[in-house]
Amino acid sequence: MKLGFDNEKYQIMQSEHIRQRISQFDNKLYLEFGGKLFDDYHASRVLPGFAPDSKLRMLKQLSDQAEIVIVISAGDIEKNKVRGDLGITYETDVLRLIDAYTNEGFRVGSVTITQYTGQESALLFKHHLEKLGIKVYIHYSIPGYPNNPALIVSDEGYGKNEYIETTRPLVIITAPGPGSGKMATCLSQLYHEHKRGIRAGYAKFETFPIWNIPLKHPVNLAYEAATADLNDVNMIDPFHLEAYNVTTVNYNRDVEIFPVLQTIFEKIYGESPYKSPTDMGVNMAGNCIIDDEVCQNAARQEIIRRYYKSLNALAQGTCPEEETRKIELLMNQAHASVEDRAVVKVSLDLEEKTGAPAAALELHDGRIVHGKTSDLLGPSAALLLNALKALAGIDHDSHLISPQAIEPIQTLKTQYLGSKNPRLHTDETLIALSISAASNEKARAALEQLPNLRGCQAHTSVMLSSVDIQEFMKLSIELTSEPKYEHKKIYH
């Protein structure tokens, strides 16, 4: 993979910049962390070279000064909201993140449930966390928020929220996903700290949009595609342009709320420490792009993947058509099309040739392998085996798994477990391969190639089962699918 981003430079620049921002206040900074702190796969896809845990590594340089507060919206708990990239609910992700940060040596001070309006499910989650020995705080929904500063900055607004007890200079406010109430949590803490005589600071760490690259740069357009469900729109920061006569990029929610934030800052501090939304940010990612063309191409591919994802959701009835049309427009603005994704044509051509679902995968060296539907295997399972053969230098016609070994599994599925599909899914195929590896050297050699599938591009001519999708995710293969089912029926 060609690199477009200097990860080492980023970690050094970013940690130093945060240290400088802490020093501007009374040694207390609430840092709103947008995006994924521990596993930012979007950033690693559009900025090749950016490690998914890059921000975590950077913060390790500040770990002796930092503690983490995880926030989750009561509304997201009530809706059982799911992280699309991991397939787990936000509540489950909170537990995962606590373990992950703790294992990395960070102090996780507490969890805050935001936007609470009496949801019973939120209270159940609170009690569950407390039984695990985790401190939990409640922040309430404020009527008219954020357009009623007089109420917000009062004892009936932020003052009604529980004060989050913290012990370190840098308090990182993070969440399982967007819309969780991170900014409101930070500002509430500023209010409470001010009442205690502490002039705490607030800063925002959003990787995207990148403020110092062009508005319509594919990397910034890819961020819009990733947040199409939130209706985020990148825009020139008018406040920064007016204050400094410098063009920078921000997004609509921060620009729209900034006048309110200024008023809130003025009510808390007596004056606002910032002249623009861009001033609030501390992101140094734009300074660490070392090959702009590589990043542009990677971002275009991400937009195409987001487009297919929205098409699939539209076919399943879980996405409004407007969201798909927006991503299609972004794809056009980035001068990208589905034809730029090489695996699409290969899989569709194979389906047309065989008359059955097919799949294709592009290896890192540019070779494209494919998989077709057979009596024993589905196309995605066949694809994985063929890809592993290609990586291990094994002849395509070699059997890694004996047909005699597959048949008993099919019998188990259909006769004993009630499945109507006798073909092996990807997870079943990999288990069968691992069993064969005990006595078959070729199977063992193929199995050892699994890590080399990470980051490969794949496409299937039909939408896959949830089981197959999860396996591709576990293998970190970037999967897209045509927005159609294999069988024409209402229930799938």
Protein backbone atom coordinates (compact mmCIF):
# COMPACT_ATOMS: atom_id res chain seq x y z
CA MET A 1 0.00 0.00 0.00
CA LYS A 2 1.30 3.44 -0.92
CA LEU A 3 1.52 5.83 2.02
CA GLY A 4 0.01 9.31 1.91
CA PHE A 5 0.28 10.21 5.60
CA ASP A 6 3.20 10.51 8.04
CA ASN A 7 1.92 8.87 11.21
CA GLU A 8 5.03 9.49 13.31
CA LYS A 9 5.10 13.20 12.51
CA TYR A 10 1.41 13.41 13.33
CA GLN A 11 1.81 11.92 16.80
CA ILE A 12 4.62 14.33 17.69
CA MET A 13 2.89 17.45 16.33
CA GLN A 14 -0.49 16.58 17.76
CA SER A 15 0.61 15.83 21.32
CA GLU A 16 2.69 19.01 21.46
CA HIS A 17 -0.20 21.11 20.20
CA ILE A 18 -2.52 19.71 22.89
CA ARG A 19 0.09 20.47 25.57
CA GLN A 20 0.19 24.07 24.37
CA ARG A 21 -3.61 24.33 24.58
CA ILE A 22 -3.66 22.97 28.17
CA SER A 23 -1.19 25.67 29.21
CA GLN A 24 -3.54 28.41 27.97
CA PHE A 25 -5.99 27.67 30.78
CA ASP A 26 -5.81 26.93 34.53
CA ASN A 27 -4.13 23.60 33.85
CA LYS A 28 -7.55 22.07 33.10
CA LEU A 29 -8.65 21.32 29.56
CA TYR A 30 -11.77 19.47 28.46
CA LEU A 31 -10.94 18.00 25.07
CA GLU A 32 -13.87 16.87 22.95
CA PHE A 33 -12.71 13.92 20.88
CA GLY A 34 -14.68 13.50 17.69
CA GLY A 35 -14.51 10.34 15.62
CA LYS A 36 -13.02 7.14 16.93
CA LEU A 37 -10.24 7.45 19.49
CA PHE A 38 -9.24 3.80 19.64
CA ASP A 39 -10.04 2.43 16.18
CA ASP A 40 -10.42 5.19 13.60
CA TYR A 41 -10.72 2.99 10.53
CA HIS A 42 -12.28 5.77 8.44
CA ALA A 43 -9.16 7.91 8.91
CA SER A 44 -6.86 4.98 8.12
CA ARG A 45 -8.77 4.33 4.89
CA VAL A 46 -8.74 7.89 3.55
CA LEU A 47 -5.26 8.79 4.87
CA PRO A 48 -3.13 5.72 4.03
CA GLY A 49 -0.46 5.54 6.70
CA PHE A 50 -2.72 6.78 9.48
CA ALA A 51 -2.87 3.93 12.01
CA PRO A 52 -6.37 3.11 13.34
CA ASP A 53 -5.04 3.59 16.88
CA SER A 54 -2.89 6.59 15.97
CA LYS A 55 -4.76 9.01 18.22
CA LEU A 56 -4.50 6.56 21.09
CA ARG A 57 -0.73 6.27 20.60
CA MET A 58 -0.49 10.04 20.49
CA LEU A 59 -2.41 10.37 23.75
CA LYS A 60 -0.13 7.84 25.40
CA GLN A 61 2.47 10.59 25.34
CA LEU A 62 0.05 12.53 27.58
CA SER A 63 -1.29 9.59 29.61
CA ASP A 64 0.16 10.79 32.91
CA GLN A 65 -1.82 14.04 32.49
CA ALA A 66 -5.00 12.58 31.02
CA GLU A 67 -8.16 10.80 32.06
CA ILE A 68 -11.07 9.69 29.93
CA VAL A 69 -14.78 10.28 30.33
CA ILE A 70 -17.03 8.29 27.99
CA VAL A 71 -20.41 9.78 27.17
CA ILE A 72 -23.45 8.05 25.72
CA SER A 73 -26.83 9.52 24.85
CA ALA A 74 -29.86 8.17 26.70
CA GLY A 75 -31.69 8.30 23.37
CA ASP A 76 -29.09 6.05 21.73
CA ILE A 77 -29.44 3.58 24.60
CA GLU A 78 -33.22 3.61 24.16
CA LYS A 79 -32.92 2.99 20.40
CA ASN A 80 -30.28 0.26 20.78
CA LYS A 81 -28.15 2.24 18.33
CA VAL A 82 -25.46 0.12 16.63
CA ARG A 83 -21.93 1.00 15.55
CA GLY A 84 -21.96 0.15 11.86
CA ASP A 85 -18.27 -0.72 11.63
CA LEU A 86 -18.33 -3.16 14.55
CA GLY A 87 -21.93 -4.34 14.58
CA ILE A 88 -22.36 -3.81 18.33
CA THR A 89 -24.66 -1.49 20.30
CA TYR A 90 -23.37 1.75 21.78
CA GLU A 91 -23.84 0.33 25.31
CA THR A 92 -21.68 -2.68 24.46
CA ASP A 93 -19.12 -0.39 22.87
CA VAL A 94 -18.89 1.66 26.08
CA LEU A 95 -17.85 -1.51 27.93
CA ARG A 96 -15.42 -2.41 25.13
CA LEU A 97 -13.86 1.05 25.22
CA ILE A 98 -13.45 1.01 28.99
CA ASP A 99 -11.53 -2.26 28.79
CA ALA A 100 -9.51 -1.09 25.79
CA TYR A 101 -8.42 2.21 27.38
CA THR A 102 -7.71 0.59 30.74
CA ASN A 103 -5.59 -2.11 29.11
CA GLU A 104 -3.61 0.62 27.36
CA GLY A 105 -2.79 2.27 30.70
CA PHE A 106 -5.33 5.10 30.64
CA ARG A 107 -7.46 6.16 33.56
CA VAL A 108 -11.17 5.94 32.68
CA GLY A 109 -12.72 8.18 35.28
CA SER A 110 -16.40 7.69 34.57
CA VAL A 111 -19.28 7.34 32.13
CA THR A 112 -21.81 10.12 31.60
CA ILE A 113 -25.31 9.47 30.29
CA THR A 114 -26.40 12.59 28.38
CA GLN A 115 -29.72 14.02 27.14
CA TYR A 116 -31.58 12.11 29.84
CA THR A 117 -35.37 12.54 29.90
CA GLY A 118 -36.39 9.61 32.05
CA GLN A 119 -35.53 6.66 29.77
CA GLU A 120 -35.82 3.45 31.80
CA SER A 121 -33.25 1.70 29.59
CA ALA A 122 -30.70 4.41 30.48
CA LEU A 123 -31.22 3.82 34.18
CA LEU A 124 -30.82 0.07 33.70
CA PHE A 125 -27.52 0.70 31.93
CA LYS A 126 -26.45 3.07 34.73
CA HIS A 127 -27.14 0.41 37.37
CA HIS A 128 -25.26 -2.19 35.30
CA LEU A 129 -22.18 0.05 35.09
CA GLU A 130 -22.31 0.86 38.80
CA LYS A 131 -22.40 -2.86 39.63
CA LEU A 132 -19.18 -3.13 37.62
CA GLY A 133 -17.63 -0.45 39.83
CA ILE A 134 -17.84 2.35 37.26
CA LYS A 135 -18.86 5.88 38.26
CA VAL A 136 -21.85 7.14 36.29
CA TYR A 137 -23.15 10.70 36.00
CA ILE A 138 -26.44 11.96 34.55
CA HIS A 139 -26.78 15.03 32.31
CA TYR A 140 -30.25 16.18 31.42
CA SER A 141 -31.90 17.40 28.25
CA ILE A 142 -32.25 21.20 28.40
CA PRO A 143 -35.40 22.67 26.81
CA GLY A 144 -34.58 24.81 23.76
CA TYR A 145 -30.96 23.69 23.66
CA PRO A 146 -28.78 25.21 22.25
CA ASN A 147 -30.78 28.36 21.45
CA ASN A 148 -31.62 29.49 24.97
CA PRO A 149 -28.29 30.60 26.51
CA ALA A 150 -29.97 32.29 29.48
CA LEU A 151 -31.47 28.97 30.59
CA ILE A 152 -28.48 26.86 29.51
CA VAL A 153 -25.96 28.83 31.59
CA SER A 154 -27.98 28.74 34.80
CA ASP A 155 -28.69 26.49 37.75
CA GLU A 156 -31.69 25.11 35.84
CA GLY A 157 -29.57 24.35 32.77
CA TYR A 158 -25.98 23.17 33.10
CA GLY A 159 -26.33 23.60 36.84
CA LYS A 160 -28.88 20.78 36.95
CA ASN A 161 -26.33 18.34 35.51
CA GLU A 162 -24.26 16.27 37.87
CA TYR A 163 -20.69 17.57 38.21
CA ILE A 164 -18.19 15.04 36.82
CA GLU A 165 -15.35 14.63 39.27
CA THR A 166 -11.96 14.60 37.54
CA THR A 167 -8.41 14.63 38.88
CA ARG A 168 -6.10 15.32 35.93
CA PRO A 169 -5.30 18.37 33.75
CA LEU A 170 -6.49 16.82 30.47
CA VAL A 171 -10.00 15.37 30.43
CA ILE A 172 -10.77 13.57 27.18
CA ILE A 173 -14.48 13.41 26.40
CA THR A 174 -15.15 10.63 23.93
CA ALA A 175 -18.12 8.51 22.84
CA PRO A 176 -19.08 5.43 20.82
CA GLY A 177 -20.33 7.64 17.98
CA PRO A 178 -21.56 11.08 16.85
CA GLY A 179 -24.48 12.92 18.42
CA SER A 180 -23.67 11.58 21.88
CA GLY A 181 -23.47 14.98 23.61
CA LYS A 182 -19.70 15.41 23.94
CA MET A 183 -19.66 19.19 23.44
CA ALA A 184 -22.54 19.77 25.86
CA THR A 185 -20.72 17.66 28.45
CA CYS A 186 -17.57 19.77 28.08
CA LEU A 187 -19.46 23.06 28.35
CA SER A 188 -21.43 21.83 31.36
CA GLN A 189 -18.13 21.06 33.07
CA LEU A 190 -16.80 24.56 32.26
CA TYR A 191 -19.85 26.01 34.02
CA HIS A 192 -19.36 23.83 37.09
CA GLU A 193 -15.59 24.46 37.20
CA HIS A 194 -16.19 28.22 36.99
CA LYS A 195 -18.53 28.02 39.97
CA ARG A 196 -15.65 26.33 41.81
CA GLY A 197 -13.24 29.12 40.88
CA ILE A 198 -11.39 27.22 38.14
CA ARG A 199 -10.99 28.71 34.65
CA ALA A 200 -11.04 25.46 32.73
CA GLY A 201 -10.65 25.35 28.95
CA TYR A 202 -12.41 23.65 26.09
CA ALA A 203 -10.96 22.42 22.80
CA LYS A 204 -12.21 20.22 20.01
CA PHE A 205 -10.29 17.41 18.35
CA GLU A 206 -12.06 16.40 15.15
CA THR A 207 -9.96 14.67 12.51
CA PHE A 208 -12.50 15.64 9.85
CA PRO A 209 -13.16 17.80 8.04
CA ILE A 210 -9.50 18.77 7.81
CA TRP A 211 -9.46 22.53 8.23
CA ASN A 212 -6.38 23.35 6.14
CA ILE A 213 -7.07 21.43 2.92
CA PRO A 214 -9.58 22.56 0.25
CA LEU A 215 -13.32 22.40 0.92
CA LYS A 216 -13.96 20.00 -1.98
CA HIS A 217 -10.87 17.87 -1.41
CA PRO A 218 -11.91 14.17 -1.69
CA VAL A 219 -10.77 13.55 1.90
CA ASN A 220 -13.23 16.17 3.16
CA LEU A 221 -15.94 14.93 0.80
CA ALA A 222 -15.41 11.41 2.19
CA TYR A 223 -16.18 12.79 5.65
CA GLU A 224 -19.48 14.18 4.34
CA ALA A 225 -20.27 10.77 2.87
CA ALA A 226 -19.49 9.09 6.18
CA THR A 227 -21.86 11.42 8.05
CA ALA A 228 -24.60 11.62 5.42
CA ASP A 229 -27.10 10.29 7.97
CA LEU A 230 -26.36 13.32 10.18
CA ASN A 231 -26.78 15.79 7.29
CA ASP A 232 -23.34 17.25 7.99
CA VAL A 233 -22.11 19.65 5.32
CA ASN A 234 -18.56 20.95 5.02
CA MET A 235 -18.32 24.70 4.63
CA ILE A 236 -15.91 27.63 4.78
CA ASP A 237 -15.67 28.95 8.34
CA PRO A 238 -17.09 32.48 7.96
CA PHE A 239 -16.03 33.55 11.46
CA HIS A 240 -12.39 32.59 10.83
CA LEU A 241 -12.43 34.33 7.46
CA GLU A 242 -13.78 37.52 9.04
CA ALA A 243 -11.41 37.46 12.02
CA TYR A 244 -8.16 36.54 10.22
CA ASN A 245 -8.90 36.82 6.48
CA VAL A 246 -7.83 33.16 6.19
CA THR A 247 -9.95 30.48 4.50
CA THR A 248 -10.46 27.33 6.58
CA VAL A 249 -12.89 24.42 6.44
CA ASN A 250 -15.34 23.42 9.15
CA TYR A 251 -18.77 21.84 9.12
CA ASN A 252 -22.27 23.21 9.43
CA ARG A 253 -23.07 22.11 12.98
CA ASP A 254 -20.03 23.85 14.47
CA VAL A 255 -20.54 26.97 12.35
CA GLU A 256 -24.25 27.17 13.18
CA ILE A 257 -23.72 26.73 16.92
CA PHE A 258 -20.68 29.01 17.26
CA PRO A 259 -22.62 32.24 18.01
CA VAL A 260 -24.37 30.35 20.79
CA LEU A 261 -21.04 29.00 22.04
CA GLN A 262 -19.60 32.51 22.09
CA THR A 263 -22.53 33.64 24.22
CA ILE A 264 -22.10 30.67 26.56
CA PHE A 265 -18.35 31.35 26.86
CA GLU A 266 -19.06 35.01 27.60
CA LYS A 267 -21.58 34.09 30.28
CA ILE A 268 -19.12 31.68 31.89
CA TYR A 269 -15.83 33.54 31.43
CA GLY A 270 -16.92 37.12 30.77
CA GLU A 271 -15.37 36.82 27.29
CA SER A 272 -14.92 34.21 24.57
CA PRO A 273 -11.43 32.70 24.21
CA TYR A 274 -12.13 31.88 20.56
CA LYS A 275 -12.99 33.95 17.49
CA SER A 276 -14.07 31.04 15.27
CA PRO A 277 -14.99 27.35 15.29
CA THR A 278 -11.59 26.64 13.70
CA ASP A 279 -9.91 28.33 16.70
CA MET A 280 -11.47 25.70 18.95
CA GLY A 281 -9.83 22.84 17.05
CA VAL A 282 -6.44 21.28 17.68
CA ASN A 283 -6.21 18.93 14.69
CA MET A 284 -2.81 18.69 12.99
CA ALA A 285 -3.68 15.93 10.45
CA GLY A 286 -3.59 18.25 7.43
CA ASN A 287 0.06 19.08 8.17
CA CYS A 288 1.04 15.42 7.95
CA ILE A 289 -0.23 14.53 4.46
CA ILE A 290 2.89 13.60 2.50
CA ASP A 291 1.32 12.40 -0.77
CA ASP A 292 -1.86 14.23 -1.64
CA GLU A 293 -2.62 12.11 -4.72
CA VAL A 294 -2.54 8.88 -2.70
CA CYS A 295 -4.94 10.36 -0.15
CA GLN A 296 -7.27 11.68 -2.85
CA ASN A 297 -7.49 8.27 -4.52
CA ALA A 298 -8.06 6.52 -1.19
CA ALA A 299 -10.82 9.01 -0.32
CA ARG A 300 -12.56 8.45 -3.66
CA GLN A 301 -12.62 4.72 -2.98
CA GLU A 302 -14.10 5.39 0.45
CA ILE A 303 -16.90 7.48 -1.07
CA ILE A 304 -17.69 4.65 -3.50
CA ARG A 305 -17.83 2.18 -0.61
CA ARG A 306 -20.14 4.52 1.32
CA TYR A 307 -22.34 4.79 -1.75
CA TYR A 308 -22.73 1.02 -1.99
CA LYS A 309 -23.39 0.81 1.74
CA SER A 310 -26.22 3.33 1.41
CA LEU A 311 -27.63 1.48 -1.62
CA ASN A 312 -27.72 -1.72 0.42
CA ALA A 313 -29.43 0.06 3.33
CA LEU A 314 -31.93 1.58 0.89
CA ALA A 315 -32.73 -1.90 -0.48
CA GLN A 316 -33.23 -3.14 3.09
CA GLY A 317 -35.49 -0.22 3.98
CA THR A 318 -33.15 1.22 6.63
CA CYS A 319 -31.96 4.32 4.78
CA PRO A 320 -33.87 7.21 3.20
CA GLU A 321 -33.37 7.76 -0.52
CA GLU A 322 -32.15 11.32 0.13
CA GLU A 323 -29.10 9.95 1.95
CA THR A 324 -28.14 7.80 -1.03
CA ARG A 325 -28.64 10.69 -3.45
CA LYS A 326 -26.44 12.92 -1.30
CA ILE A 327 -23.57 10.41 -1.38
CA GLU A 328 -24.04 10.01 -5.13
CA LEU A 329 -23.65 13.79 -5.48
CA LEU A 330 -20.51 13.71 -3.33
CA MET A 331 -19.13 10.92 -5.52
CA ASN A 332 -19.66 13.13 -8.57
CA GLN A 333 -17.99 16.09 -6.86
CA ALA A 334 -14.97 13.91 -6.09
CA HIS A 335 -14.85 12.85 -9.77
CA ALA A 336 -15.33 9.21 -8.81
CA SER A 337 -17.62 6.48 -10.11
CA VAL A 338 -18.34 2.82 -9.36
CA GLU A 339 -16.28 1.98 -12.45
CA ASP A 340 -13.21 3.09 -10.47
CA ARG A 341 -13.70 0.07 -8.23
CA ALA A 342 -12.12 -2.73 -10.27
CA VAL A 343 -13.69 -5.60 -8.35
CA VAL A 344 -17.22 -4.48 -9.28
CA LYS A 345 -16.95 -5.29 -13.00
CA VAL A 346 -15.16 -8.60 -12.38
CA SER A 347 -17.87 -9.88 -10.03
CA LEU A 348 -20.73 -8.73 -12.27
CA ASP A 349 -19.13 -10.25 -15.38
CA LEU A 350 -18.69 -13.57 -13.58
CA GLU A 351 -22.31 -13.55 -12.41
CA GLU A 352 -23.46 -12.94 -15.97
CA LYS A 353 -21.25 -15.75 -17.23
CA THR A 354 -22.31 -18.33 -14.61
CA GLY A 355 -25.88 -17.23 -13.99
CA ALA A 356 -25.31 -17.30 -10.22
CA PRO A 357 -23.97 -14.93 -7.52
CA ALA A 358 -20.26 -14.17 -7.77
CA ALA A 359 -17.55 -12.26 -5.91
CA ALA A 360 -14.18 -10.65 -6.64
CA LEU A 361 -11.27 -9.47 -4.48
CA GLU A 362 -8.28 -7.28 -5.33
CA LEU A 363 -5.03 -8.23 -3.64
CA HIS A 364 -2.51 -5.59 -2.61
CA ASP A 365 -0.31 -6.38 -5.62
CA GLY A 366 -3.19 -5.61 -7.99
CA ARG A 367 -4.15 -9.18 -8.84
CA ILE A 368 -7.90 -9.84 -8.84
CA VAL A 369 -9.26 -13.22 -7.80
CA HIS A 370 -12.89 -14.30 -7.92
CA GLY A 371 -15.29 -16.80 -6.43
CA LYS A 372 -18.41 -18.36 -7.93
CA THR A 373 -21.39 -20.22 -6.53
CA SER A 374 -21.04 -24.02 -6.41
CA ASP A 375 -22.89 -26.94 -4.83
CA LEU A 376 -20.47 -26.85 -1.89
CA LEU A 377 -19.59 -23.18 -1.39
CA GLY A 378 -21.19 -19.78 -1.67
CA PRO A 379 -19.33 -17.15 -3.70
CA SER A 380 -17.85 -15.33 -0.69
CA ALA A 381 -16.49 -18.58 0.80
CA ALA A 382 -15.04 -19.62 -2.57
CA LEU A 383 -13.54 -16.14 -2.91
CA LEU A 384 -11.67 -16.40 0.38
CA LEU A 385 -10.23 -19.81 -0.48
CA ASN A 386 -9.13 -18.62 -3.94
CA ALA A 387 -7.55 -15.49 -2.48
CA LEU A 388 -5.62 -17.53 0.09
CA LYS A 389 -4.43 -19.91 -2.65
CA ALA A 390 -3.20 -16.97 -4.72
CA LEU A 391 -1.33 -15.47 -1.77
CA ALA A 392 0.24 -18.80 -0.83
CA GLY A 393 1.19 -19.64 -4.43
CA ILE A 394 -1.05 -22.72 -4.48
CA ASP A 395 -2.51 -23.96 -7.75
CA HIS A 396 -6.09 -22.79 -8.26
CA ASP A 397 -7.38 -26.35 -8.88
CA SER A 398 -5.94 -27.73 -5.63
CA HIS A 399 -8.46 -28.74 -2.96
CA LEU A 400 -7.62 -27.14 0.38
CA ILE A 401 -10.67 -28.76 1.92
CA SER A 402 -11.74 -32.21 0.81
CA PRO A 403 -15.29 -32.37 -0.62
CA GLN A 404 -15.77 -35.37 1.66
CA ALA A 405 -15.06 -33.09 4.62
CA ILE A 406 -17.61 -30.49 3.47
CA GLU A 407 -20.49 -32.91 2.95
CA PRO A 408 -20.91 -33.82 6.67
CA ILE A 409 -21.06 -30.11 7.50
CA GLN A 410 -23.79 -29.67 4.89
CA THR A 411 -25.68 -32.61 6.38
CA LEU A 412 -25.42 -31.05 9.83
CA LYS A 413 -26.71 -27.72 8.53
CA THR A 414 -29.66 -29.02 6.54
CA GLN A 415 -30.79 -32.15 8.37
CA TYR A 416 -30.06 -31.24 11.98
CA LEU A 417 -29.90 -27.43 12.22
CA GLY A 418 -32.77 -26.63 9.87
CA SER A 419 -30.86 -24.54 7.32
CA LYS A 420 -32.25 -24.45 3.78
CA ASN A 421 -28.89 -23.40 2.32
CA PRO A 422 -26.43 -26.33 2.13
CA ARG A 423 -23.52 -24.19 0.95
CA LEU A 424 -20.86 -23.25 3.49
CA HIS A 425 -20.69 -19.69 4.79
CA THR A 426 -17.31 -18.01 5.15
CA ASP A 427 -17.03 -18.80 8.88
CA GLU A 428 -17.81 -22.46 8.31
CA THR A 429 -15.32 -22.59 5.45
CA LEU A 430 -12.54 -21.08 7.55
CA ILE A 431 -13.21 -23.54 10.36
CA ALA A 432 -13.07 -26.41 7.88
CA LEU A 433 -9.83 -24.99 6.48
CA SER A 434 -8.27 -24.78 9.93
CA ILE A 435 -9.19 -28.43 10.59
CA SER A 436 -7.63 -29.44 7.26
CA ALA A 437 -4.49 -27.46 8.16
CA ALA A 438 -3.72 -30.00 10.88
CA SER A 439 -2.86 -32.63 8.26
CA ASN A 440 -2.61 -30.72 4.97
CA GLU A 441 0.48 -28.55 4.39
CA LYS A 442 -1.18 -26.56 1.61
CA ALA A 443 -4.17 -25.80 3.82
CA ARG A 444 -1.80 -24.68 6.57
CA ALA A 445 0.10 -22.43 4.14
CA ALA A 446 -3.17 -20.91 2.95
CA LEU A 447 -4.43 -20.32 6.48
CA GLU A 448 -1.25 -18.43 7.36
CA GLN A 449 -2.07 -15.91 4.62
CA LEU A 450 -5.23 -14.63 6.37
CA PRO A 451 -3.49 -11.50 7.79
CA ASN A 452 -2.54 -10.49 4.24
CA LEU A 453 -6.21 -10.03 3.34
CA ARG A 454 -6.41 -6.99 5.64
CA GLY A 455 -7.31 -3.91 3.62
CA CYS A 456 -8.07 -5.81 0.40
CA GLN A 457 -11.04 -4.68 -1.69
CA ALA A 458 -13.94 -7.06 -2.38
CA HIS A 459 -17.30 -6.90 -4.13
CA THR A 460 -20.17 -9.36 -4.39
CA SER A 461 -22.92 -9.40 -6.99
CA VAL A 462 -25.60 -9.84 -4.30
CA MET A 463 -26.00 -8.76 -0.70
CA LEU A 464 -24.52 -11.25 1.73
CA SER A 465 -25.87 -12.77 4.93
CA SER A 466 -24.98 -11.06 8.20
CA VAL A 467 -22.68 -14.00 8.99
CA ASP A 468 -20.58 -13.47 5.87
CA ILE A 469 -20.53 -9.69 6.35
CA GLN A 470 -19.21 -10.12 9.88
CA GLU A 471 -16.45 -12.43 8.70
CA PHE A 472 -15.28 -9.91 6.11
CA MET A 473 -15.27 -7.26 8.84
CA LYS A 474 -13.21 -9.48 11.16
CA LEU A 475 -10.70 -10.01 8.36
CA SER A 476 -10.65 -6.22 7.71
CA ILE A 477 -11.57 -6.73 4.06
CA GLU A 478 -13.26 -3.68 2.54
CA LEU A 479 -16.49 -5.18 1.21
CA THR A 480 -19.17 -3.74 -1.05
CA SER A 481 -22.17 -5.51 -2.55
CA GLU A 482 -24.73 -4.92 -5.25
CA PRO A 483 -28.04 -3.73 -3.73
CA LYS A 484 -30.01 -6.87 -4.52
CA TYR A 485 -30.88 -10.14 -2.83
CA GLU A 486 -29.97 -13.56 -4.21
CA HIS A 487 -33.60 -14.69 -4.04
CA LYS A 488 -36.71 -12.75 -4.97
CA LYS A 489 -38.77 -12.94 -1.81
CA ILE A 490 -40.03 -10.49 0.79
CA TYR A 491 -38.46 -12.04 3.92
CA HIS A 492 -34.71 -12.58 3.97
